[in-house]
Amino acid sequence: MSEANKMRQHLLVEECTLLDLASSACQEALAFGVNEHAFERLARAVEYKCQDGATVAGLDVLAERKRQTEVEGWTTEHDDLSGSLELVDAATCYALAPPWLDIWDDEKQAMKKWQPRCPPSWPWALSWWKPRSRRENLIRAAALILAEIERIDRAVAKQVQP
């Protein structure tokens, strides 16, 4: 099983475990007269999330965001220090990048990977430009957009606090 699939499975198991715990708590609360409609809504949410609700693409984006924070070290604190367009610029570069291509190297008489050039709008060091397949590029772009949305939400929350 690939690392991405392991991460995807782990995220789904964690979410289902939390939903199951919440469901159990609601069942116990029903004995004390808690609104049955709340429990029914939770039961539907558990069924939806644990069976059909989480798409592979959505889980891949969440897994990529987790990889960015845990493996690459791009934490929320780091994101908060970045300029307002850095994450969006990086996401745009990945979203628009052509995929790596297998091309023939006449000199080596073998196939090699052709890596697209780093776009001029890439906001970080060249060493961080790591395009892959079209799908992987879009997953990275979506994870970076998610990071930017979360950065905006944190900034707004700080402004609202007294």
Protein backbone atom coordinates (compact mmCIF):
# COMPACT_ATOMS: atom_id res chain seq x y z
CA MET A 1 0.00 0.00 0.00
CA SER A 2 1.40 3.39 -1.00
CA GLU A 3 2.13 6.09 1.57
CA ALA A 4 -0.71 8.22 0.20
CA ASN A 5 -3.15 5.32 0.50
CA LYS A 6 -1.99 4.60 4.06
CA MET A 7 -2.47 8.26 4.98
CA ARG A 8 -5.87 8.33 3.27
CA GLN A 9 -6.99 5.20 5.15
CA HIS A 10 -5.67 6.62 8.44
CA LEU A 11 -7.63 9.86 8.00
CA LEU A 12 -10.82 7.98 7.19
CA VAL A 13 -10.41 5.61 10.15
CA GLU A 14 -9.75 8.53 12.52
CA GLU A 15 -12.83 10.40 11.33
CA CYS A 16 -15.05 7.32 11.52
CA THR A 17 -13.76 6.53 15.02
CA LEU A 18 -14.63 10.04 16.21
CA LEU A 19 -18.06 9.88 14.62
CA ASP A 20 -18.69 6.47 16.18
CA LEU A 21 -17.73 7.83 19.61
CA ALA A 22 -20.10 10.76 19.12
CA SER A 23 -22.83 8.37 18.01
CA SER A 24 -22.33 6.23 21.13
CA ALA A 25 -22.50 9.32 23.34
CA CYS A 26 -25.77 10.33 21.68
CA GLN A 27 -27.24 6.87 22.20
CA GLU A 28 -26.43 7.11 25.90
CA ALA A 29 -27.89 10.61 26.02
CA LEU A 30 -31.15 9.38 24.49
CA ALA A 31 -31.79 7.47 27.71
CA PHE A 32 -31.90 10.86 29.44
CA GLY A 33 -34.41 12.40 27.01
CA VAL A 34 -32.15 14.06 24.42
CA ASN A 35 -33.86 15.12 21.18
CA GLU A 36 -34.13 12.10 18.86
CA HIS A 37 -33.76 14.28 15.75
CA ALA A 38 -30.22 15.25 16.75
CA PHE A 39 -29.29 11.59 17.06
CA GLU A 40 -30.82 10.76 13.67
CA ARG A 41 -28.81 13.54 12.01
CA LEU A 42 -25.62 12.25 13.62
CA ALA A 43 -26.38 8.67 12.58
CA ARG A 44 -26.81 9.81 8.97
CA ALA A 45 -23.52 11.72 9.17
CA VAL A 46 -21.72 8.62 10.48
CA GLU A 47 -23.16 6.49 7.69
CA TYR A 48 -22.32 9.08 5.03
CA LYS A 49 -18.74 9.70 6.12
CA CYS A 50 -17.78 6.13 6.90
CA GLN A 51 -19.24 4.55 3.80
CA ASP A 52 -19.59 6.82 0.81
CA GLY A 53 -19.04 10.41 1.79
CA ALA A 54 -15.30 10.88 1.57
CA THR A 55 -14.06 10.94 -2.01
CA VAL A 56 -10.60 9.71 -2.88
CA ALA A 57 -9.72 13.13 -4.28
CA GLY A 58 -10.84 14.93 -1.12
CA LEU A 59 -8.91 12.53 1.09
CA ASP A 60 -5.86 12.93 -1.14
CA VAL A 61 -5.98 16.72 -0.69
CA LEU A 62 -6.24 16.35 3.10
CA ALA A 63 -3.42 13.79 3.10
CA GLU A 64 -1.25 16.13 1.03
CA ARG A 65 -1.92 19.03 3.41
CA LYS A 66 -0.99 16.78 6.32
CA ARG A 67 2.21 15.77 4.48
CA GLN A 68 3.06 19.42 3.85
CA THR A 69 2.80 20.22 7.55
CA GLU A 70 4.29 17.07 9.05
CA VAL A 71 6.95 16.09 6.49
CA GLU A 72 7.88 19.41 4.86
CA GLY A 73 7.41 21.46 8.03
CA TRP A 74 5.02 24.01 6.48
CA THR A 75 3.08 24.56 9.70
CA THR A 76 0.18 26.93 10.25
CA GLU A 77 2.61 29.26 12.05
CA HIS A 78 4.82 29.30 8.96
CA ASP A 79 1.79 29.91 6.73
CA ASP A 80 0.77 32.85 8.91
CA LEU A 81 4.17 34.47 8.29
CA SER A 82 3.95 34.14 4.51
CA GLY A 83 2.73 36.95 2.33
CA SER A 84 -0.91 36.99 1.41
CA LEU A 85 -0.28 35.75 -2.11
CA GLU A 86 2.54 33.23 -1.62
CA LEU A 87 0.30 30.22 -1.06
CA VAL A 88 -2.03 31.24 -3.89
CA ASP A 89 0.90 31.85 -6.25
CA ALA A 90 2.36 28.43 -5.45
CA ALA A 91 -1.05 26.78 -5.92
CA THR A 92 -1.49 28.53 -9.26
CA CYS A 93 1.93 27.34 -10.43
CA TYR A 94 1.07 23.73 -9.62
CA ALA A 95 -2.43 23.98 -11.08
CA LEU A 96 -1.12 25.31 -14.40
CA ALA A 97 2.06 23.22 -14.60
CA PRO A 98 2.34 20.60 -17.31
CA PRO A 99 3.01 17.14 -15.88
CA TRP A 100 6.37 15.45 -15.89
CA LEU A 101 6.89 13.62 -19.15
CA ASP A 102 8.87 10.54 -20.00
CA ILE A 103 11.18 11.51 -22.84
CA TRP A 104 13.94 9.68 -24.67
CA ASP A 105 17.50 10.70 -23.85
CA ASP A 106 19.57 10.01 -26.99
CA GLU A 107 22.84 10.47 -25.13
CA LYS A 108 22.01 7.92 -22.41
CA GLN A 109 19.84 5.76 -24.67
CA ALA A 110 17.18 5.62 -21.98
CA MET A 111 13.96 7.23 -20.88
CA LYS A 112 14.23 10.16 -18.52
CA LYS A 113 11.82 12.48 -16.78
CA TRP A 114 11.33 15.93 -18.24
CA GLN A 115 10.54 18.41 -15.50
CA PRO A 116 8.68 21.58 -16.43
CA ARG A 117 10.59 24.79 -15.81
CA CYS A 118 9.88 26.68 -12.65
CA PRO A 119 7.41 29.48 -13.44
CA PRO A 120 8.54 33.07 -12.78
CA SER A 121 5.63 33.51 -10.36
CA TRP A 122 6.87 30.65 -8.13
CA PRO A 123 7.15 32.36 -4.71
CA TRP A 124 9.80 30.18 -3.09
CA ALA A 125 13.26 28.76 -3.72
CA LEU A 126 13.71 26.76 -6.90
CA SER A 127 14.50 23.65 -4.84
CA TRP A 128 10.88 23.62 -3.59
CA TRP A 129 9.45 23.42 -7.13
CA LYS A 130 8.52 19.73 -7.40
CA PRO A 131 5.91 19.12 -10.10
CA ARG A 132 4.70 15.58 -10.76
CA SER A 133 1.74 14.12 -12.66
CA ARG A 134 -1.24 16.29 -13.57
CA ARG A 135 -3.32 14.78 -10.76
CA GLU A 136 -0.54 15.17 -8.17
CA ASN A 137 -0.02 18.79 -9.24
CA LEU A 138 -3.73 19.52 -8.78
CA ILE A 139 -3.75 17.82 -5.37
CA ARG A 140 -0.79 19.99 -4.29
CA ALA A 141 -2.55 23.08 -5.64
CA ALA A 142 -5.74 22.22 -3.74
CA ALA A 143 -3.81 21.59 -0.51
CA LEU A 144 -2.09 24.98 -0.87
CA ILE A 145 -5.45 26.68 -1.48
CA LEU A 146 -6.77 24.94 1.64
CA ALA A 147 -3.76 26.29 3.57
CA GLU A 148 -4.52 29.82 2.30
CA ILE A 149 -8.20 29.56 3.28
CA GLU A 150 -7.18 28.39 6.75
CA ARG A 151 -4.64 31.25 6.98
CA ILE A 152 -7.37 33.76 6.12
CA ASP A 153 -9.71 32.22 8.70
CA ARG A 154 -7.04 32.47 11.41
CA ALA A 155 -6.31 36.10 10.50
CA VAL A 156 -10.02 36.98 10.69
CA ALA A 157 -10.36 35.17 14.03
CA LYS A 158 -7.44 37.19 15.44
CA GLN A 159 -9.09 40.45 14.34
CA VAL A 160 -12.39 39.49 15.98
CA GLN A 161 -10.82 38.63 19.34
CA PRO A 162 -10.75 41.50 21.87
